[in-house]
């Protein structure tokens, strides 16, 4: 099943996970990002918080 919806709550979870990973010397990478999430990241200018492949 693919992601069909992501709101600010889902985005907050992803950003928190990225910050937590960075604090532990790791990096959160997003792969095969669905269109709906890519659009949300672009509109909120948060795509730079992740490595997107």
N, C-alpha and C. Protein backbone atom coordinates (compact mmCIF):
# COMPACT_ATOMS: atom_id res chain seq x y z
N UNK A 1 0.85 -1.17 0.00
CA UNK A 1 0.00 0.00 0.00
C UNK A 1 0.90 1.24 0.00
N UNK A 2 0.54 2.22 -0.76
CA UNK A 2 1.34 3.44 -0.84
C UNK A 2 0.70 4.56 -0.04
N UNK A 3 1.49 5.56 0.25
CA UNK A 3 1.01 6.72 0.99
C UNK A 3 0.07 7.53 0.11
N UNK A 4 -1.11 7.79 0.62
CA UNK A 4 -2.09 8.56 -0.15
C UNK A 4 -2.38 9.92 0.46
N UNK A 5 -1.98 10.11 1.73
CA UNK A 5 -2.27 11.35 2.42
C UNK A 5 -1.21 11.59 3.47
N UNK A 6 -0.77 12.82 3.62
CA UNK A 6 0.14 13.20 4.69
C UNK A 6 -0.17 14.65 5.06
N UNK A 7 -0.44 14.87 6.34
CA UNK A 7 -0.73 16.22 6.79
C UNK A 7 0.40 16.72 7.69
N UNK A 8 0.15 17.80 8.40
CA UNK A 8 1.19 18.39 9.23
C UNK A 8 1.63 17.46 10.35
N UNK A 9 0.75 16.59 10.81
CA UNK A 9 1.13 15.63 11.85
C UNK A 9 2.16 14.63 11.31
N UNK A 10 1.91 14.11 10.12
CA UNK A 10 2.87 13.19 9.50
C UNK A 10 4.19 13.87 9.21
N UNK A 11 4.13 15.11 8.75
CA UNK A 11 5.34 15.87 8.47
C UNK A 11 6.13 16.11 9.75
N UNK A 12 5.43 16.42 10.84
CA UNK A 12 6.10 16.62 12.13
C UNK A 12 6.82 15.36 12.58
N UNK A 13 6.19 14.21 12.38
CA UNK A 13 6.81 12.93 12.74
C UNK A 13 8.10 12.72 11.93
N UNK A 14 8.04 12.99 10.63
CA UNK A 14 9.23 12.83 9.79
C UNK A 14 10.34 13.80 10.20
N UNK A 15 9.99 15.05 10.47
CA UNK A 15 11.00 16.03 10.88
C UNK A 15 11.61 15.68 12.23
N UNK A 16 10.80 15.19 13.15
CA UNK A 16 11.31 14.76 14.45
C UNK A 16 12.25 13.57 14.30
N UNK A 17 11.88 12.64 13.45
CA UNK A 17 12.74 11.47 13.20
C UNK A 17 14.06 11.90 12.57
N UNK A 18 14.02 12.88 11.67
CA UNK A 18 15.25 13.38 11.04
C UNK A 18 16.15 14.04 12.07
N UNK A 19 15.57 14.85 12.96
CA UNK A 19 16.35 15.51 14.01
C UNK A 19 16.93 14.50 14.99
N UNK A 20 16.16 13.51 15.35
CA UNK A 20 16.63 12.46 16.26
C UNK A 20 17.78 11.68 15.63
N UNK A 21 17.62 11.33 14.38
CA UNK A 21 18.69 10.60 13.67
C UNK A 21 19.96 11.45 13.64
N UNK A 22 19.84 12.73 13.33
CA UNK A 22 21.00 13.61 13.25
C UNK A 22 21.69 13.73 14.61
N UNK A 23 20.90 13.79 15.67
CA UNK A 23 21.46 13.89 17.02
C UNK A 23 22.25 12.65 17.40
N UNK A 24 21.95 11.54 16.74
CA UNK A 24 22.66 10.28 17.00
C UNK A 24 23.68 9.96 15.91
N UNK A 25 24.01 10.96 15.11
CA UNK A 25 25.04 10.77 14.09
C UNK A 25 24.59 10.00 12.87
N UNK A 26 23.29 9.93 12.65
CA UNK A 26 22.76 9.21 11.48
C UNK A 26 22.00 10.20 10.60
N UNK A 27 21.47 9.69 9.51
CA UNK A 27 20.74 10.52 8.57
C UNK A 27 19.48 9.78 8.13
N UNK A 28 18.37 10.48 8.13
CA UNK A 28 17.12 9.90 7.63
C UNK A 28 17.05 10.11 6.13
N UNK A 29 16.93 9.02 5.40
CA UNK A 29 16.84 9.09 3.95
C UNK A 29 15.45 8.64 3.52
N UNK A 30 14.86 9.40 2.62
CA UNK A 30 13.55 9.04 2.08
C UNK A 30 13.76 8.50 0.67
N UNK A 31 13.15 7.37 0.38
CA UNK A 31 13.27 6.76 -0.94
C UNK A 31 11.89 6.50 -1.52
N UNK A 32 11.81 6.57 -2.82
CA UNK A 32 10.54 6.32 -3.53
C UNK A 32 9.43 7.17 -2.91
N UNK A 33 9.70 8.45 -2.79
CA UNK A 33 8.76 9.37 -2.16
C UNK A 33 7.52 9.54 -3.04
N UNK A 34 6.35 9.25 -2.50
CA UNK A 34 5.12 9.41 -3.27
C UNK A 34 4.88 10.89 -3.61
N UNK A 35 4.15 11.12 -4.67
CA UNK A 35 3.88 12.47 -5.14
C UNK A 35 3.27 13.35 -4.05
N UNK A 36 2.35 12.80 -3.28
CA UNK A 36 1.67 13.58 -2.25
C UNK A 36 2.65 14.08 -1.19
N UNK A 37 3.62 13.26 -0.82
CA UNK A 37 4.61 13.68 0.17
C UNK A 37 5.61 14.65 -0.44
N UNK A 38 6.05 14.38 -1.65
CA UNK A 38 6.99 15.28 -2.33
C UNK A 38 6.39 16.68 -2.45
N UNK A 39 5.10 16.75 -2.76
CA UNK A 39 4.42 18.04 -2.89
C UNK A 39 4.37 18.75 -1.54
N UNK A 40 4.05 18.02 -0.47
CA UNK A 40 4.00 18.60 0.87
C UNK A 40 5.37 19.14 1.28
N UNK A 41 6.41 18.36 1.03
CA UNK A 41 7.76 18.81 1.37
C UNK A 41 8.15 20.06 0.60
N UNK A 42 7.76 20.10 -0.67
CA UNK A 42 8.08 21.27 -1.51
C UNK A 42 7.30 22.50 -1.04
N UNK A 43 6.02 22.34 -0.77
CA UNK A 43 5.18 23.47 -0.36
C UNK A 43 5.57 24.04 1.00
N UNK A 44 6.08 23.18 1.88
CA UNK A 44 6.46 23.62 3.22
C UNK A 44 7.94 23.95 3.33
N UNK A 45 8.65 23.83 2.22
CA UNK A 45 10.09 24.13 2.17
C UNK A 45 10.87 23.30 3.20
N UNK A 46 10.46 22.06 3.40
CA UNK A 46 11.13 21.18 4.36
C UNK A 46 11.90 20.05 3.69
N UNK A 47 11.93 20.03 2.36
CA UNK A 47 12.62 18.94 1.65
C UNK A 47 14.11 18.91 1.97
N UNK A 48 14.69 20.03 2.38
CA UNK A 48 16.11 20.07 2.71
C UNK A 48 16.46 19.36 4.00
N UNK A 49 15.46 18.99 4.77
CA UNK A 49 15.72 18.29 6.03
C UNK A 49 16.04 16.81 5.81
N UNK A 50 15.85 16.35 4.60
CA UNK A 50 16.03 14.92 4.30
C UNK A 50 16.92 14.73 3.07
N UNK A 51 17.52 13.57 3.00
CA UNK A 51 18.14 13.13 1.77
C UNK A 51 17.05 12.37 1.03
N UNK A 52 16.71 12.83 -0.16
CA UNK A 52 15.63 12.18 -0.92
C UNK A 52 16.23 11.50 -2.12
N UNK A 53 16.00 10.21 -2.22
CA UNK A 53 16.53 9.43 -3.34
C UNK A 53 15.40 8.92 -4.20
